[in-house]
Amino acid sequence: MHPSAQGKNYGVTSGRIAVIDSGVANLRSVVNALTRLGAALYIVQTPEDLKSASKIILPGVGAFAAGMARLRESDLIEPLRACAARGVPILGICLGMQMLFERSSEMGDHEGLGLLSGSVVRFPQNGPKVPHVGWNQLEHDERSRLLKGVPSGSYAYFVHSYYAQTEPENILARAAYGIDFPAVVGRGNIYGVQFHPEKSHATGLRILKNFLEL
């Protein structure tokens, strides 16, 4: 558990926002961004911690297998699936978004949470250099509640080598890096962003705010 969040709640918003400690994320930057928005948040490490969550945020960076292994070791996989089934809004960030899908081919074949249909694959070898690091524009039709107040063409900050392949109806926004890829995904109460909203200035904060207000 990150020392800055241990045993504390933040902010004054109603409902409790559960932030998953995946062991492969910089919790400080996510906590700081949510705190700026007034979120009453707490850090999750055990299944019991999820019982009072009104919303769940799953951040992550690095390798898919390591992220899923940490969730498995903490006995969080089935509780997360149960929360999703009963309608708790969940937002995955970067690797956290990728773990929402069924599988990843990163360094083998690995099972994900299966909350969204599709798989995670590497950018094509004949495309631009990977990892993809930098600012890219989000292109969308401005109809998603998660993207309210975020004009199409707004910039977000990305760091990743893999991207999600999923049905068009799950894609809320796209970005381009050699190919068009899903930058924001969602279906029902499950959402994901491939970029880092906590590092994407006003655009990222607005998306986090929209999630808190769903």
C-alpha atoms as a PDB file:
ATOM      1  CA  MET A   1       0.000   0.000   0.000  1.00  0.00           C
ATOM      2  CA  HIS A   2       1.302   3.413  -0.906  1.00  0.00           C
ATOM      3  CA  PRO A   3       2.303   5.248   2.309  1.00  0.00           C
ATOM      4  CA  SER A   4       0.514   8.419   1.240  1.00  0.00           C
ATOM      5  CA  ALA A   5      -2.816   6.579   1.048  1.00  0.00           C
ATOM      6  CA  GLN A   6      -2.624   4.019   3.825  1.00  0.00           C
ATOM      7  CA  GLY A   7      -5.561   4.220   6.205  1.00  0.00           C
ATOM      8  CA  LYS A   8      -6.850   7.487   4.782  1.00  0.00           C
ATOM      9  CA  ASN A   9      -9.851   8.752   2.845  1.00  0.00           C
ATOM     10  CA  TYR A  10      -9.569  11.823   0.657  1.00  0.00           C
ATOM     11  CA  GLY A  11     -11.986  14.522  -0.410  1.00  0.00           C
ATOM     12  CA  VAL A  12     -15.624  15.178   0.237  1.00  0.00           C
ATOM     13  CA  THR A  13     -17.542  13.484  -2.589  1.00  0.00           C
ATOM     14  CA  SER A  14     -20.300  11.012  -1.757  1.00  0.00           C
ATOM     15  CA  GLY A  15     -19.508   7.349  -2.301  1.00  0.00           C
ATOM     16  CA  ARG A  16     -16.178   5.616  -1.855  1.00  0.00           C
ATOM     17  CA  ILE A  17     -13.798   5.295  -4.789  1.00  0.00           C
ATOM     18  CA  ALA A  18     -11.711   2.136  -4.557  1.00  0.00           C
ATOM     19  CA  VAL A  19      -8.268   2.346  -6.190  1.00  0.00           C
ATOM     20  CA  ILE A  20      -6.725  -1.080  -6.805  1.00  0.00           C
ATOM     21  CA  ASP A  21      -3.125  -1.516  -5.700  1.00  0.00           C
ATOM     22  CA  SER A  22      -2.034  -3.682  -8.625  1.00  0.00           C
ATOM     23  CA  GLY A  23       1.600  -3.518  -7.555  1.00  0.00           C
ATOM     24  CA  VAL A  24       2.489  -2.286 -11.042  1.00  0.00           C
ATOM     25  CA  ALA A  25       1.277   1.305 -10.934  1.00  0.00           C
ATOM     26  CA  ASN A  26       2.377   4.684  -9.679  1.00  0.00           C
ATOM     27  CA  LEU A  27      -0.405   5.156  -7.145  1.00  0.00           C
ATOM     28  CA  ARG A  28       0.839   8.561  -6.040  1.00  0.00           C
ATOM     29  CA  SER A  29       0.030  10.299  -9.323  1.00  0.00           C
ATOM     30  CA  VAL A  30      -3.407   8.671  -9.568  1.00  0.00           C
ATOM     31  CA  VAL A  31      -4.203   9.465  -5.919  1.00  0.00           C
ATOM     32  CA  ASN A  32      -3.061  13.076  -6.384  1.00  0.00           C
ATOM     33  CA  ALA A  33      -5.273  13.568  -9.440  1.00  0.00           C
ATOM     34  CA  LEU A  34      -8.334  12.088  -7.724  1.00  0.00           C
ATOM     35  CA  THR A  35      -7.657  14.107  -4.587  1.00  0.00           C
ATOM     36  CA  ARG A  36      -7.640  17.306  -6.647  1.00  0.00           C
ATOM     37  CA  LEU A  37     -11.126  16.357  -7.812  1.00  0.00           C
ATOM     38  CA  GLY A  38     -12.387  15.836  -4.256  1.00  0.00           C
ATOM     39  CA  ALA A  39     -12.746  12.068  -4.457  1.00  0.00           C
ATOM     40  CA  ALA A  40     -13.295  10.101  -1.251  1.00  0.00           C
ATOM     41  CA  LEU A  41     -10.878   7.335  -2.109  1.00  0.00           C
ATOM     42  CA  TYR A  42      -9.156   4.412  -0.471  1.00  0.00           C
ATOM     43  CA  ILE A  43      -6.583   1.858  -1.598  1.00  0.00           C
ATOM     44  CA  VAL A  44      -7.641  -1.767  -2.157  1.00  0.00           C
ATOM     45  CA  GLN A  45      -5.370  -4.695  -1.394  1.00  0.00           C
ATOM     46  CA  THR A  46      -7.785  -7.422  -0.225  1.00  0.00           C
ATOM     47  CA  PRO A  47     -11.193  -8.697  -1.417  1.00  0.00           C
ATOM     48  CA  GLU A  48     -12.848  -7.286   1.698  1.00  0.00           C
ATOM     49  CA  ASP A  49     -11.738  -3.801   0.656  1.00  0.00           C
ATOM     50  CA  LEU A  50     -14.022  -3.926  -2.385  1.00  0.00           C
ATOM     51  CA  LYS A  51     -17.267  -4.448  -0.470  1.00  0.00           C
ATOM     52  CA  SER A  52     -17.951  -0.758   0.179  1.00  0.00           C
ATOM     53  CA  ALA A  53     -16.785   0.551  -3.203  1.00  0.00           C
ATOM     54  CA  SER A  54     -19.165   2.775  -5.148  1.00  0.00           C
ATOM     55  CA  LYS A  55     -16.712   2.897  -8.070  1.00  0.00           C
ATOM     56  CA  ILE A  56     -13.411   1.148  -8.824  1.00  0.00           C
ATOM     57  CA  ILE A  57     -10.277   2.408 -10.558  1.00  0.00           C
ATOM     58  CA  LEU A  58      -7.674  -0.091 -11.776  1.00  0.00           C
ATOM     59  CA  PRO A  59      -4.399   1.642 -12.715  1.00  0.00           C
ATOM     60  CA  GLY A  60      -1.300  -0.104 -14.012  1.00  0.00           C
ATOM     61  CA  VAL A  61       1.910   0.152 -15.993  1.00  0.00           C
ATOM     62  CA  GLY A  62       4.283  -2.498 -17.316  1.00  0.00           C
ATOM     63  CA  ALA A  63       3.677  -6.123 -18.234  1.00  0.00           C
ATOM     64  CA  PHE A  64       0.235  -7.728 -18.494  1.00  0.00           C
ATOM     65  CA  ALA A  65       1.299 -11.010 -16.875  1.00  0.00           C
ATOM     66  CA  ALA A  66       2.764  -9.233 -13.836  1.00  0.00           C
ATOM     67  CA  GLY A  67      -0.387  -7.172 -13.361  1.00  0.00           C
ATOM     68  CA  MET A  68      -2.686 -10.182 -13.534  1.00  0.00           C
ATOM     69  CA  ALA A  69      -0.365 -12.168 -11.250  1.00  0.00           C
ATOM     70  CA  ARG A  70      -0.609  -9.441  -8.610  1.00  0.00           C
ATOM     71  CA  LEU A  71      -4.416  -9.428  -8.816  1.00  0.00           C
ATOM     72  CA  ARG A  72      -4.400 -13.215  -8.513  1.00  0.00           C
ATOM     73  CA  GLU A  73      -2.049 -13.200  -5.507  1.00  0.00           C
ATOM     74  CA  SER A  74      -4.326 -10.663  -3.801  1.00  0.00           C
ATOM     75  CA  ASP A  75      -7.452 -12.762  -4.564  1.00  0.00           C
ATOM     76  CA  LEU A  76      -8.981  -9.804  -6.393  1.00  0.00           C
ATOM     77  CA  ILE A  77      -9.884 -11.348  -9.754  1.00  0.00           C
ATOM     78  CA  GLU A  78     -13.218 -12.949  -8.848  1.00  0.00           C
ATOM     79  CA  PRO A  79     -14.269 -10.071  -6.550  1.00  0.00           C
ATOM     80  CA  LEU A  80     -13.601  -7.625  -9.396  1.00  0.00           C
ATOM     81  CA  ARG A  81     -15.682  -9.749 -11.750  1.00  0.00           C
ATOM     82  CA  ALA A  82     -18.456  -9.878  -9.152  1.00  0.00           C
ATOM     83  CA  CYS A  83     -18.398  -6.082  -8.748  1.00  0.00           C
ATOM     84  CA  ALA A  84     -18.649  -5.701 -12.514  1.00  0.00           C
ATOM     85  CA  ALA A  85     -21.583  -8.123 -12.649  1.00  0.00           C
ATOM     86  CA  ARG A  86     -23.538  -6.174 -10.054  1.00  0.00           C
ATOM     87  CA  GLY A  87     -23.039  -2.901 -11.923  1.00  0.00           C
ATOM     88  CA  VAL A  88     -20.236  -1.151 -10.041  1.00  0.00           C
ATOM     89  CA  PRO A  89     -18.551   1.280 -12.472  1.00  0.00           C
ATOM     90  CA  ILE A  90     -14.942   0.269 -13.163  1.00  0.00           C
ATOM     91  CA  LEU A  91     -12.265   2.339 -14.917  1.00  0.00           C
ATOM     92  CA  GLY A  92      -9.032   0.736 -16.094  1.00  0.00           C
ATOM     93  CA  ILE A  93      -6.022   2.985 -16.776  1.00  0.00           C
ATOM     94  CA  CYS A  94      -3.224   2.020 -19.229  1.00  0.00           C
ATOM     95  CA  LEU A  95      -2.278  -1.559 -18.271  1.00  0.00           C
ATOM     96  CA  GLY A  96      -5.409  -1.536 -16.105  1.00  0.00           C
ATOM     97  CA  MET A  97      -7.466  -1.010 -19.257  1.00  0.00           C
ATOM     98  CA  GLN A  98      -5.693  -3.876 -21.007  1.00  0.00           C
ATOM     99  CA  MET A  99      -6.404  -6.222 -18.093  1.00  0.00           C
ATOM    100  CA  LEU A 100     -10.139  -5.634 -18.597  1.00  0.00           C
ATOM    101  CA  PHE A 101      -9.974  -7.684 -21.809  1.00  0.00           C
ATOM    102  CA  GLU A 102     -10.048 -11.442 -22.289  1.00  0.00           C
ATOM    103  CA  ARG A 103      -6.436 -12.108 -23.252  1.00  0.00           C
ATOM    104  CA  SER A 104      -3.037 -10.590 -24.012  1.00  0.00           C
ATOM    105  CA  SER A 105      -0.238 -11.892 -26.234  1.00  0.00           C
ATOM    106  CA  GLU A 106       2.422  -9.910 -24.369  1.00  0.00           C
ATOM    107  CA  MET A 107       5.310 -12.336 -23.683  1.00  0.00           C
ATOM    108  CA  GLY A 108       3.074 -15.378 -24.128  1.00  0.00           C
ATOM    109  CA  ASP A 109      -0.663 -15.935 -23.921  1.00  0.00           C
ATOM    110  CA  HIS A 110      -2.264 -14.635 -20.732  1.00  0.00           C
ATOM    111  CA  GLU A 111      -5.858 -14.525 -19.476  1.00  0.00           C
ATOM    112  CA  GLY A 112      -7.329 -11.174 -18.480  1.00  0.00           C
ATOM    113  CA  LEU A 113     -10.357 -10.235 -16.416  1.00  0.00           C
ATOM    114  CA  GLY A 114     -12.708 -10.786 -19.351  1.00  0.00           C
ATOM    115  CA  LEU A 115     -14.898  -7.790 -18.538  1.00  0.00           C
ATOM    116  CA  LEU A 116     -14.643  -6.606 -22.145  1.00  0.00           C
ATOM    117  CA  SER A 117     -14.439  -8.824 -25.216  1.00  0.00           C
ATOM    118  CA  GLY A 118     -11.221  -8.691 -27.191  1.00  0.00           C
ATOM    119  CA  SER A 119      -7.494  -9.186 -26.856  1.00  0.00           C
ATOM    120  CA  VAL A 120      -4.337  -7.133 -26.389  1.00  0.00           C
ATOM    121  CA  VAL A 121      -1.639  -7.294 -29.081  1.00  0.00           C
ATOM    122  CA  ARG A 122       1.648  -5.567 -29.895  1.00  0.00           C
ATOM    123  CA  PHE A 123       1.886  -2.699 -32.359  1.00  0.00           C
ATOM    124  CA  PRO A 124       2.951  -3.962 -35.810  1.00  0.00           C
ATOM    125  CA  GLN A 125       6.693  -4.443 -36.211  1.00  0.00           C
ATOM    126  CA  ASN A 126       6.702  -2.494 -39.483  1.00  0.00           C
ATOM    127  CA  GLY A 127       5.118   0.550 -37.842  1.00  0.00           C
ATOM    128  CA  PRO A 128       6.520   3.400 -35.738  1.00  0.00           C
ATOM    129  CA  LYS A 129       8.971   2.703 -32.933  1.00  0.00           C
ATOM    130  CA  VAL A 130       7.599   1.160 -29.745  1.00  0.00           C
ATOM    131  CA  PRO A 131       6.893   1.862 -27.011  1.00  0.00           C
ATOM    132  CA  HIS A 132       4.537   4.579 -28.106  1.00  0.00           C
ATOM    133  CA  VAL A 133       5.404   7.474 -25.812  1.00  0.00           C
ATOM    134  CA  GLY A 134       3.936  10.952 -26.128  1.00  0.00           C
ATOM    135  CA  TRP A 135       0.907  13.111 -26.784  1.00  0.00           C
ATOM    136  CA  ASN A 136      -1.751  11.998 -29.245  1.00  0.00           C
ATOM    137  CA  GLN A 137      -5.191  13.235 -30.147  1.00  0.00           C
ATOM    138  CA  LEU A 138      -8.403  11.525 -29.093  1.00  0.00           C
ATOM    139  CA  GLU A 139     -10.900  11.225 -31.935  1.00  0.00           C
ATOM    140  CA  HIS A 140     -14.503  10.520 -30.943  1.00  0.00           C
ATOM    141  CA  ASP A 141     -18.113  11.431 -31.666  1.00  0.00           C
ATOM    142  CA  GLU A 142     -18.541  13.277 -28.327  1.00  0.00           C
ATOM    143  CA  ARG A 143     -21.509  11.122 -27.274  1.00  0.00           C
ATOM    144  CA  SER A 144     -19.964   9.138 -24.425  1.00  0.00           C
ATOM    145  CA  ARG A 145     -20.626  10.356 -20.888  1.00  0.00           C
ATOM    146  CA  LEU A 146     -17.015   9.563 -20.032  1.00  0.00           C
ATOM    147  CA  LEU A 147     -15.860  12.089 -22.648  1.00  0.00           C
ATOM    148  CA  LYS A 148     -18.321  14.851 -21.821  1.00  0.00           C
ATOM    149  CA  GLY A 149     -16.593  18.225 -22.152  1.00  0.00           C
ATOM    150  CA  VAL A 150     -13.574  16.681 -23.917  1.00  0.00           C
ATOM    151  CA  PRO A 151     -13.673  17.889 -27.538  1.00  0.00           C
ATOM    152  CA  SER A 152     -12.607  15.453 -30.229  1.00  0.00           C
ATOM    153  CA  GLY A 153      -8.997  16.270 -31.067  1.00  0.00           C
ATOM    154  CA  SER A 154      -7.979  16.804 -27.443  1.00  0.00           C
ATOM    155  CA  TYR A 155      -4.522  15.507 -26.526  1.00  0.00           C
ATOM    156  CA  ALA A 156      -3.695  12.781 -24.005  1.00  0.00           C
ATOM    157  CA  TYR A 157      -0.386  11.272 -22.862  1.00  0.00           C
ATOM    158  CA  PHE A 158       0.378   7.654 -23.837  1.00  0.00           C
ATOM    159  CA  VAL A 159       3.072   5.148 -22.833  1.00  0.00           C
ATOM    160  CA  HIS A 160       2.474   1.637 -24.221  1.00  0.00           C
ATOM    161  CA  SER A 161       3.660  -1.040 -26.637  1.00  0.00           C
ATOM    162  CA  TYR A 162       0.417  -3.030 -26.843  1.00  0.00           C
ATOM    163  CA  TYR A 163      -3.139  -2.047 -27.741  1.00  0.00           C
ATOM    164  CA  ALA A 164      -6.597  -3.605 -27.557  1.00  0.00           C
ATOM    165  CA  GLN A 165      -8.399  -5.241 -30.453  1.00  0.00           C
ATOM    166  CA  THR A 166     -12.133  -5.236 -29.766  1.00  0.00           C
ATOM    167  CA  GLU A 167     -15.538  -4.778 -31.380  1.00  0.00           C
ATOM    168  CA  PRO A 168     -16.275  -1.288 -32.761  1.00  0.00           C
ATOM    169  CA  GLU A 169     -19.168  -0.855 -30.326  1.00  0.00           C
ATOM    170  CA  ASN A 170     -16.697  -1.035 -27.405  1.00  0.00           C
ATOM    171  CA  ILE A 171     -14.554   1.817 -28.771  1.00  0.00           C
ATOM    172  CA  LEU A 172     -15.441   5.259 -27.414  1.00  0.00           C
ATOM    173  CA  ALA A 173     -12.386   7.097 -28.792  1.00  0.00           C
ATOM    174  CA  ARG A 174      -9.481   6.283 -31.084  1.00  0.00           C
ATOM    175  CA  ALA A 175      -5.944   7.562 -31.468  1.00  0.00           C
ATOM    176  CA  ALA A 176      -3.400   7.055 -34.249  1.00  0.00           C
ATOM    177  CA  TYR A 177       0.131   5.690 -34.040  1.00  0.00           C
ATOM    178  CA  GLY A 178       0.890   4.048 -37.337  1.00  0.00           C
ATOM    179  CA  ILE A 179      -2.563   2.459 -37.035  1.00  0.00           C
ATOM    180  CA  ASP A 180      -5.789   3.610 -35.437  1.00  0.00           C
ATOM    181  CA  PHE A 181      -6.183   1.967 -32.023  1.00  0.00           C
ATOM    182  CA  PRO A 182      -8.723   2.171 -29.183  1.00  0.00           C
ATOM    183  CA  ALA A 183      -7.790   4.980 -26.804  1.00  0.00           C
ATOM    184  CA  VAL A 184     -10.990   4.876 -24.725  1.00  0.00           C
ATOM    185  CA  VAL A 185     -13.233   1.832 -24.421  1.00  0.00           C
ATOM    186  CA  GLY A 186     -16.471   1.129 -22.626  1.00  0.00           C
ATOM    187  CA  ARG A 187     -19.472  -1.132 -22.392  1.00  0.00           C
ATOM    188  CA  GLY A 188     -22.127  -0.855 -19.716  1.00  0.00           C
ATOM    189  CA  ASN A 189     -20.426  -0.015 -16.426  1.00  0.00           C
ATOM    190  CA  ILE A 190     -16.927  -0.984 -17.638  1.00  0.00           C
ATOM    191  CA  TYR A 191     -14.564   1.710 -18.976  1.00  0.00           C
ATOM    192  CA  GLY A 192     -10.911   1.926 -19.898  1.00  0.00           C
ATOM    193  CA  VAL A 193      -8.408   4.523 -21.095  1.00  0.00           C
ATOM    194  CA  GLN A 194      -5.135   3.496 -22.744  1.00  0.00           C
ATOM    195  CA  PHE A 195      -3.440   6.782 -21.858  1.00  0.00           C
ATOM    196  CA  HIS A 196      -2.587   8.207 -18.442  1.00  0.00           C
ATOM    197  CA  PRO A 197      -5.336  10.669 -17.445  1.00  0.00           C
ATOM    198  CA  GLU A 198      -3.351  11.660 -14.349  1.00  0.00           C
ATOM    199  CA  LYS A 199      -0.592  12.929 -16.696  1.00  0.00           C
ATOM    200  CA  SER A 200      -2.885  14.386 -19.365  1.00  0.00           C
ATOM    201  CA  HIS A 201      -3.564  17.742 -17.701  1.00  0.00           C
ATOM    202  CA  ALA A 202      -7.062  19.222 -18.182  1.00  0.00           C
ATOM    203  CA  THR A 203      -8.193  16.489 -20.583  1.00  0.00           C
ATOM    204  CA  GLY A 204      -7.323  13.717 -18.151  1.00  0.00           C
ATOM    205  CA  LEU A 205      -8.783  15.458 -15.137  1.00  0.00           C
ATOM    206  CA  ARG A 206     -12.042  16.031 -16.985  1.00  0.00           C
ATOM    207  CA  ILE A 207     -12.289  12.341 -17.880  1.00  0.00           C
ATOM    208  CA  LEU A 208     -11.607  11.313 -14.280  1.00  0.00           C
ATOM    209  CA  LYS A 209     -14.214  13.837 -13.103  1.00  0.00           C
ATOM    210  CA  ASN A 210     -16.740  12.428 -15.556  1.00  0.00           C
ATOM    211  CA  PHE A 211     -16.097   8.918 -14.226  1.00  0.00           C
ATOM    212  CA  LEU A 212     -16.567  10.084 -10.641  1.00  0.00           C
ATOM    213  CA  GLU A 213     -19.893  11.651 -11.633  1.00  0.00           C
ATOM    214  CA  LEU A 214     -21.294   8.660 -13.558  1.00  0.00           C
END
